[in-house]
């Protein structure tokens, strides 16, 4: 439980503030006022309209930090004396095992790239304002 709290506590606060700010910004939009005047329930407005658009920055931030969280487990494994890839990597640093260090850096870079690709694809599906049509070709 403690390693999980160690990794996630700071990010929970950041994402909560980001989601709150994004929801408050979306609540000021004219489509919310129009939905209220049509008599749509507040809960439906929040879930189907506001939250769908407000979650976009949170997904982007989460995608950027997933790689950081997974690579941050090295420190957590070392602090809590857990056997794993992180401990192996730290031992490789102390033993100057260059191929292991290079492999870890390559894996971490690939992890960041894949996480960013997945976030972009999820954004494409979730946000109707983003589309591949209408892009200028260079």
N, C-alpha and C. Protein backbone atom coordinates (compact mmCIF):
# COMPACT_ATOMS: atom_id res chain seq x y z
N UNK A 1 0.82 -1.19 0.00
CA UNK A 1 0.00 0.00 0.00
C UNK A 1 0.87 1.27 0.00
N UNK A 2 1.90 1.27 0.80
CA UNK A 2 2.74 2.46 0.92
C UNK A 2 3.47 2.83 -0.38
N UNK A 3 4.01 1.86 -1.14
CA UNK A 3 4.62 2.25 -2.42
C UNK A 3 3.63 2.87 -3.40
N UNK A 4 2.41 2.35 -3.41
CA UNK A 4 1.39 2.91 -4.29
C UNK A 4 1.07 4.35 -3.91
N UNK A 5 0.93 4.60 -2.63
CA UNK A 5 0.66 5.96 -2.16
C UNK A 5 1.84 6.87 -2.47
N UNK A 6 3.05 6.34 -2.33
CA UNK A 6 4.25 7.12 -2.62
C UNK A 6 4.27 7.59 -4.07
N UNK A 7 3.91 6.70 -4.98
CA UNK A 7 3.95 7.06 -6.40
C UNK A 7 2.78 7.95 -6.83
N UNK A 8 1.61 7.76 -6.23
CA UNK A 8 0.41 8.39 -6.79
C UNK A 8 -0.10 9.61 -6.04
N UNK A 9 0.30 9.85 -4.83
CA UNK A 9 -0.30 10.92 -4.03
C UNK A 9 -0.13 12.30 -4.65
N UNK A 10 1.06 12.59 -5.11
CA UNK A 10 1.29 13.92 -5.69
C UNK A 10 0.51 14.10 -6.99
N UNK A 11 0.42 13.03 -7.79
CA UNK A 11 -0.29 13.13 -9.06
C UNK A 11 -1.80 13.23 -8.87
N UNK A 12 -2.32 12.61 -7.83
CA UNK A 12 -3.76 12.71 -7.56
C UNK A 12 -4.15 14.16 -7.33
N UNK A 13 -3.36 14.88 -6.56
CA UNK A 13 -3.66 16.29 -6.30
C UNK A 13 -3.60 17.12 -7.58
N UNK A 14 -2.61 16.86 -8.42
CA UNK A 14 -2.47 17.61 -9.66
C UNK A 14 -3.66 17.35 -10.59
N UNK A 15 -4.03 16.08 -10.74
CA UNK A 15 -5.13 15.74 -11.65
C UNK A 15 -6.47 16.21 -11.13
N UNK A 16 -6.64 16.23 -9.83
CA UNK A 16 -7.88 16.74 -9.26
C UNK A 16 -8.03 18.23 -9.55
N UNK A 17 -6.98 18.98 -9.36
CA UNK A 17 -7.02 20.41 -9.65
C UNK A 17 -7.23 20.67 -11.14
N UNK A 18 -6.57 19.87 -11.98
CA UNK A 18 -6.70 20.03 -13.42
C UNK A 18 -8.12 19.73 -13.88
N UNK A 19 -8.71 18.66 -13.35
CA UNK A 19 -10.08 18.32 -13.72
C UNK A 19 -11.06 19.37 -13.22
N UNK A 20 -10.86 19.86 -12.02
CA UNK A 20 -11.75 20.89 -11.48
C UNK A 20 -11.70 22.15 -12.33
N UNK A 21 -10.50 22.58 -12.68
CA UNK A 21 -10.38 23.79 -13.51
C UNK A 21 -11.00 23.59 -14.89
N UNK A 22 -10.81 22.41 -15.44
CA UNK A 22 -11.37 22.14 -16.75
C UNK A 22 -12.90 22.07 -16.71
N UNK A 23 -13.46 21.48 -15.66
CA UNK A 23 -14.92 21.43 -15.51
C UNK A 23 -15.48 22.82 -15.33
N UNK A 24 -14.86 23.64 -14.50
CA UNK A 24 -15.34 25.00 -14.31
C UNK A 24 -15.28 25.81 -15.60
N UNK A 25 -14.25 25.57 -16.41
CA UNK A 25 -14.15 26.26 -17.69
C UNK A 25 -15.25 25.81 -18.65
N UNK A 26 -15.52 24.52 -18.68
CA UNK A 26 -16.57 24.00 -19.56
C UNK A 26 -17.97 24.44 -19.10
N UNK A 27 -18.15 24.62 -17.81
CA UNK A 27 -19.46 25.05 -17.29
C UNK A 27 -19.82 26.46 -17.74
N UNK A 28 -18.82 27.24 -18.15
CA UNK A 28 -19.06 28.60 -18.60
C UNK A 28 -19.42 28.68 -20.08
N UNK A 29 -19.34 27.55 -20.78
CA UNK A 29 -19.61 27.53 -22.21
C UNK A 29 -21.10 27.67 -22.49
N UNK A 30 -21.41 28.12 -23.69
CA UNK A 30 -22.80 28.38 -24.05
C UNK A 30 -23.62 27.11 -24.22
N UNK A 31 -23.01 25.99 -24.58
CA UNK A 31 -23.78 24.76 -24.74
C UNK A 31 -24.36 24.27 -23.42
N UNK A 32 -23.71 24.59 -22.30
CA UNK A 32 -24.24 24.22 -20.99
C UNK A 32 -25.47 25.06 -20.68
N UNK A 33 -25.41 26.35 -20.98
CA UNK A 33 -26.56 27.22 -20.77
C UNK A 33 -27.74 26.78 -21.64
N UNK A 34 -27.45 26.42 -22.87
CA UNK A 34 -28.49 25.96 -23.78
C UNK A 34 -29.11 24.64 -23.28
N UNK A 35 -28.29 23.75 -22.78
CA UNK A 35 -28.80 22.48 -22.26
C UNK A 35 -29.67 22.72 -21.02
N UNK A 36 -29.29 23.66 -20.19
CA UNK A 36 -30.11 23.98 -19.01
C UNK A 36 -31.45 24.58 -19.42
N UNK A 37 -31.44 25.45 -20.43
CA UNK A 37 -32.70 26.05 -20.85
C UNK A 37 -33.61 25.03 -21.51
N UNK A 38 -33.05 23.98 -22.07
CA UNK A 38 -33.87 22.92 -22.65
C UNK A 38 -34.47 22.02 -21.58
N UNK A 39 -34.00 22.16 -20.33
CA UNK A 39 -34.55 21.38 -19.23
C UNK A 39 -33.85 20.06 -18.98
N UNK A 40 -32.64 19.91 -19.50
CA UNK A 40 -31.88 18.68 -19.26
C UNK A 40 -31.37 18.71 -17.81
N UNK A 41 -31.44 17.56 -17.17
CA UNK A 41 -31.01 17.46 -15.77
C UNK A 41 -29.53 17.80 -15.64
N UNK A 42 -29.19 18.37 -14.51
CA UNK A 42 -27.81 18.80 -14.26
C UNK A 42 -26.83 17.62 -14.30
N UNK A 43 -27.26 16.48 -13.79
CA UNK A 43 -26.39 15.30 -13.78
C UNK A 43 -26.08 14.84 -15.21
N UNK A 44 -27.07 14.88 -16.08
CA UNK A 44 -26.87 14.48 -17.48
C UNK A 44 -25.94 15.47 -18.18
N UNK A 45 -26.11 16.74 -17.89
CA UNK A 45 -25.24 17.77 -18.48
C UNK A 45 -23.79 17.53 -18.05
N UNK A 46 -23.62 17.26 -16.76
CA UNK A 46 -22.26 17.06 -16.24
C UNK A 46 -21.59 15.82 -16.84
N UNK A 47 -22.33 14.71 -16.89
CA UNK A 47 -21.71 13.45 -17.31
C UNK A 47 -21.57 13.37 -18.82
N UNK A 48 -22.62 13.68 -19.55
CA UNK A 48 -22.60 13.47 -21.00
C UNK A 48 -21.93 14.60 -21.77
N UNK A 49 -21.97 15.79 -21.25
CA UNK A 49 -21.46 16.92 -22.03
C UNK A 49 -20.18 17.50 -21.43
N UNK A 50 -20.26 17.95 -20.19
CA UNK A 50 -19.14 18.67 -19.59
C UNK A 50 -17.96 17.74 -19.32
N UNK A 51 -18.22 16.63 -18.66
CA UNK A 51 -17.12 15.74 -18.28
C UNK A 51 -16.44 15.12 -19.50
N UNK A 52 -17.19 14.89 -20.55
CA UNK A 52 -16.61 14.31 -21.76
C UNK A 52 -15.56 15.23 -22.38
N UNK A 53 -15.79 16.53 -22.32
CA UNK A 53 -14.82 17.48 -22.85
C UNK A 53 -13.78 17.90 -21.81
N UNK A 54 -14.17 17.87 -20.53
CA UNK A 54 -13.26 18.33 -19.48
C UNK A 54 -12.20 17.29 -19.14
N UNK A 55 -12.44 16.03 -19.47
CA UNK A 55 -11.48 14.98 -19.13
C UNK A 55 -10.28 14.97 -20.07
N UNK A 56 -10.38 15.66 -21.17
CA UNK A 56 -9.32 15.66 -22.18
C UNK A 56 -7.95 16.10 -21.64
N UNK A 57 -7.84 17.20 -20.92
CA UNK A 57 -6.51 17.57 -20.38
C UNK A 57 -5.99 16.58 -19.35
N UNK A 58 -6.89 15.95 -18.61
CA UNK A 58 -6.48 14.97 -17.61
C UNK A 58 -5.89 13.74 -18.29
N UNK A 59 -6.52 13.30 -19.37
CA UNK A 59 -6.00 12.15 -20.12
C UNK A 59 -4.63 12.47 -20.70
N UNK A 60 -4.47 13.67 -21.22
CA UNK A 60 -3.18 14.07 -21.76
C UNK A 60 -2.11 14.06 -20.67
N UNK A 61 -2.43 14.64 -19.53
CA UNK A 61 -1.47 14.65 -18.42
C UNK A 61 -1.15 13.27 -17.91
N UNK A 62 -2.15 12.42 -17.84
CA UNK A 62 -1.93 11.06 -17.37
C UNK A 62 -1.04 10.29 -18.34
N UNK A 63 -1.28 10.48 -19.62
CA UNK A 63 -0.44 9.80 -20.61
C UNK A 63 1.01 10.25 -20.54
N UNK A 64 1.21 11.52 -20.24
CA UNK A 64 2.58 12.01 -20.12
C UNK A 64 3.26 11.47 -18.87
N UNK A 65 2.49 11.15 -17.85
CA UNK A 65 3.08 10.72 -16.59
C UNK A 65 3.09 9.22 -16.38
N UNK A 66 2.46 8.44 -17.24
CA UNK A 66 2.48 6.99 -17.07
C UNK A 66 3.91 6.47 -17.20
N UNK A 67 4.62 6.92 -18.18
CA UNK A 67 6.01 6.52 -18.33
C UNK A 67 6.85 6.96 -17.14
N UNK A 68 6.58 8.15 -16.66
CA UNK A 68 7.31 8.64 -15.49
C UNK A 68 7.00 7.81 -14.25
N UNK A 69 5.75 7.39 -14.11
CA UNK A 69 5.38 6.54 -12.99
C UNK A 69 6.06 5.18 -13.07
N UNK A 70 6.07 4.60 -14.25
CA UNK A 70 6.67 3.28 -14.38
C UNK A 70 8.19 3.33 -14.23
N UNK A 71 8.82 4.38 -14.70
CA UNK A 71 10.26 4.50 -14.48
C UNK A 71 10.58 4.95 -13.06
N UNK A 72 9.63 5.59 -12.40
CA UNK A 72 9.83 5.99 -11.01
C UNK A 72 9.77 4.84 -10.03
N UNK A 73 9.31 3.70 -10.51
CA UNK A 73 9.27 2.53 -9.62
C UNK A 73 10.67 2.05 -9.27
N UNK A 74 11.66 2.48 -10.00
CA UNK A 74 13.04 2.12 -9.67
C UNK A 74 13.38 2.60 -8.27
N UNK A 75 13.06 3.83 -8.01
CA UNK A 75 13.36 4.41 -6.70
C UNK A 75 12.53 3.75 -5.62
N UNK A 76 11.26 3.51 -5.92
CA UNK A 76 10.38 2.89 -4.93
C UNK A 76 10.86 1.47 -4.60
N UNK A 77 11.27 0.71 -5.61
CA UNK A 77 11.80 -0.62 -5.36
C UNK A 77 13.06 -0.57 -4.51
N UNK A 78 13.87 0.42 -4.74
CA UNK A 78 15.11 0.55 -3.97
C UNK A 78 14.81 0.95 -2.53
N UNK A 79 13.92 1.90 -2.33
CA UNK A 79 13.61 2.37 -0.98
C UNK A 79 12.93 1.29 -0.15
N UNK A 80 12.00 0.56 -0.76
CA UNK A 80 11.26 -0.46 -0.02
C UNK A 80 11.90 -1.85 -0.12
N UNK A 81 13.08 -1.94 -0.70
CA UNK A 81 13.84 -3.18 -0.82
C UNK A 81 13.05 -4.30 -1.49
N UNK A 82 12.39 -3.96 -2.57
CA UNK A 82 11.66 -4.96 -3.35
C UNK A 82 12.56 -5.46 -4.46
N UNK A 83 12.58 -6.77 -4.66
CA UNK A 83 13.33 -7.27 -5.82
C UNK A 83 12.55 -6.98 -7.10
N UNK A 84 13.24 -6.61 -8.13
CA UNK A 84 12.57 -6.31 -9.39
C UNK A 84 13.52 -5.67 -10.37
N UNK A 85 12.93 -5.17 -11.44
CA UNK A 85 13.72 -4.58 -12.51
C UNK A 85 14.45 -3.32 -12.03
N UNK A 86 13.83 -2.57 -11.15
CA UNK A 86 14.45 -1.36 -10.64
C UNK A 86 15.70 -1.64 -9.84
N UNK A 87 15.63 -2.65 -9.02
CA UNK A 87 16.80 -3.02 -8.23
C UNK A 87 17.92 -3.53 -9.14
N UNK A 88 17.53 -4.29 -10.16
CA UNK A 88 18.51 -4.78 -11.13
C UNK A 88 19.18 -3.62 -11.86
N UNK A 89 18.40 -2.60 -12.19
CA UNK A 89 18.94 -1.43 -12.88
C UNK A 89 19.90 -0.66 -11.98
N UNK A 90 19.54 -0.48 -10.72
CA UNK A 90 20.42 0.24 -9.78
C UNK A 90 21.72 -0.55 -9.58
N UNK A 91 21.61 -1.86 -9.46
CA UNK A 91 22.83 -2.67 -9.35
C UNK A 91 23.69 -2.55 -10.61
N UNK A 92 23.04 -2.46 -11.77
CA UNK A 92 23.78 -2.30 -13.02
C UNK A 92 24.51 -0.96 -13.06
N UNK A 93 23.89 0.06 -12.48
CA UNK A 93 24.57 1.37 -12.42
C UNK A 93 25.80 1.29 -11.54
N UNK A 94 25.65 0.67 -10.37
CA UNK A 94 26.80 0.57 -9.47
C UNK A 94 27.91 -0.31 -10.03
N UNK A 95 27.54 -1.33 -10.81
CA UNK A 95 28.53 -2.23 -11.40
C UNK A 95 29.01 -1.77 -12.77
N UNK A 96 28.49 -0.64 -13.22
CA UNK A 96 28.84 -0.07 -14.53
C UNK A 96 28.60 -1.07 -15.66
N UNK A 97 27.43 -1.67 -15.62
CA UNK A 97 27.03 -2.63 -16.65
C UNK A 97 26.30 -1.86 -17.76
N UNK A 98 27.06 -1.38 -18.71
CA UNK A 98 26.57 -0.47 -19.75
C UNK A 98 25.45 -1.07 -20.60
N UNK A 99 25.53 -2.33 -21.04
CA UNK A 99 24.43 -2.86 -21.85
C UNK A 99 23.08 -2.87 -21.12
N UNK A 100 23.09 -3.16 -19.85
CA UNK A 100 21.83 -3.15 -19.07
C UNK A 100 21.30 -1.73 -18.97
N UNK A 101 22.15 -0.78 -18.73
CA UNK A 101 21.73 0.62 -18.63
C UNK A 101 21.16 1.09 -19.96
N UNK A 102 21.84 0.76 -21.06
CA UNK A 102 21.34 1.15 -22.38
C UNK A 102 20.00 0.49 -22.68
N UNK A 103 19.85 -0.76 -22.31
CA UNK A 103 18.58 -1.46 -22.54
C UNK A 103 17.45 -0.80 -21.76
N UNK A 104 17.73 -0.44 -20.50
CA UNK A 104 16.69 0.21 -19.71
C UNK A 104 16.32 1.57 -20.30
N UNK A 105 17.28 2.33 -20.70
CA UNK A 105 16.99 3.65 -21.29
C UNK A 105 16.18 3.49 -22.58
N UNK A 106 16.53 2.50 -23.39
CA UNK A 106 15.78 2.23 -24.62
C UNK A 106 14.35 1.82 -24.29
N UNK A 107 14.17 0.94 -23.32
CA UNK A 107 12.82 0.51 -22.92
C UNK A 107 12.00 1.68 -22.37
N UNK A 108 12.64 2.53 -21.58
CA UNK A 108 11.93 3.69 -21.03
C UNK A 108 11.52 4.65 -22.13
N UNK A 109 12.39 4.87 -23.11
CA UNK A 109 12.04 5.75 -24.23
C UNK A 109 10.90 5.17 -25.05
N UNK A 110 10.96 3.87 -25.30
CA UNK A 110 9.85 3.22 -26.03
C UNK A 110 8.55 3.30 -25.25
N UNK A 111 8.64 3.15 -23.95
CA UNK A 111 7.46 3.25 -23.10
C UNK A 111 6.84 4.64 -23.18
N UNK A 112 7.65 5.67 -23.15
CA UNK A 112 7.15 7.04 -23.28
C UNK A 112 6.49 7.25 -24.64
N UNK A 113 7.10 6.75 -25.69
CA UNK A 113 6.55 6.92 -27.04
C UNK A 113 5.22 6.19 -27.18
N UNK A 114 5.15 4.97 -26.69
CA UNK A 114 3.91 4.19 -26.79
C UNK A 114 2.80 4.83 -25.95
N UNK A 115 3.13 5.31 -24.77
CA UNK A 115 2.12 5.98 -23.93
C UNK A 115 1.58 7.23 -24.62
N UNK A 116 2.45 8.02 -25.22
CA UNK A 116 2.00 9.22 -25.92
C UNK A 116 1.15 8.87 -27.14
N UNK A 117 1.50 7.81 -27.86
CA UNK A 117 0.69 7.37 -28.99
C UNK A 117 -0.70 6.93 -28.54
N UNK A 118 -0.76 6.16 -27.47
CA UNK A 118 -2.05 5.70 -26.96
C UNK A 118 -2.90 6.88 -26.51
N UNK A 119 -2.29 7.85 -25.85
CA UNK A 119 -3.05 9.04 -25.42
C UNK A 119 -3.59 9.79 -26.62
N UNK A 120 -2.79 9.95 -27.66
CA UNK A 120 -3.27 10.64 -28.86
C UNK A 120 -4.43 9.89 -29.51
N UNK A 121 -4.37 8.58 -29.55
CA UNK A 121 -5.46 7.81 -30.13
C UNK A 121 -6.72 7.87 -29.28
N UNK A 122 -6.56 7.85 -27.97
CA UNK A 122 -7.73 7.98 -27.07
C UNK A 122 -8.35 9.36 -27.21
N UNK A 123 -7.53 10.38 -27.33
CA UNK A 123 -8.03 11.74 -27.53
C UNK A 123 -8.81 11.84 -28.85
N UNK A 124 -8.31 11.19 -29.87
CA UNK A 124 -8.98 11.21 -31.17
C UNK A 124 -10.36 10.58 -31.08
N UNK A 125 -10.49 9.52 -30.30
CA UNK A 125 -11.78 8.85 -30.15
C UNK A 125 -12.72 9.63 -29.25
N UNK A 126 -12.19 10.19 -28.16
CA UNK A 126 -13.05 10.83 -27.16
C UNK A 126 -13.50 12.23 -27.52
N UNK A 127 -12.64 13.01 -28.10
CA UNK A 127 -12.95 14.42 -28.33
C UNK A 127 -13.43 14.62 -29.76
N UNK A 128 -14.69 15.02 -29.95
CA UNK A 128 -15.20 15.19 -31.31
C UNK A 128 -14.59 16.39 -32.05
N UNK A 129 -13.97 17.29 -31.32
CA UNK A 129 -13.37 18.46 -31.96
C UNK A 129 -12.08 18.12 -32.69
N UNK A 130 -11.47 17.00 -32.33
CA UNK A 130 -10.23 16.58 -32.97
C UNK A 130 -10.58 15.61 -34.08
N UNK A 131 -10.09 15.88 -35.27
CA UNK A 131 -10.32 14.96 -36.37
C UNK A 131 -9.14 15.02 -37.33
N UNK A 132 -9.07 14.01 -38.16
CA UNK A 132 -8.02 13.99 -39.16
C UNK A 132 -8.41 14.73 -40.42
N UNK A 133 -9.69 15.02 -40.57
CA UNK A 133 -10.17 15.75 -41.75
C UNK A 133 -9.86 17.24 -41.60
N UNK A 134 -9.69 17.88 -42.68
CA UNK A 134 -9.49 19.32 -42.66
C UNK A 134 -8.09 19.76 -42.33
N UNK A 135 -7.16 18.84 -42.23
CA UNK A 135 -5.78 19.22 -41.96
C UNK A 135 -5.12 19.69 -43.23
N UNK A 136 -4.37 20.75 -43.13
CA UNK A 136 -3.63 21.25 -44.30
C UNK A 136 -2.49 20.31 -44.61
N UNK A 137 -2.33 19.99 -45.87
CA UNK A 137 -1.23 19.12 -46.25
C UNK A 137 -0.07 19.98 -46.73
N UNK A 138 1.09 19.63 -46.26
CA UNK A 138 2.28 20.41 -46.57
C UNK A 138 3.16 19.68 -47.54
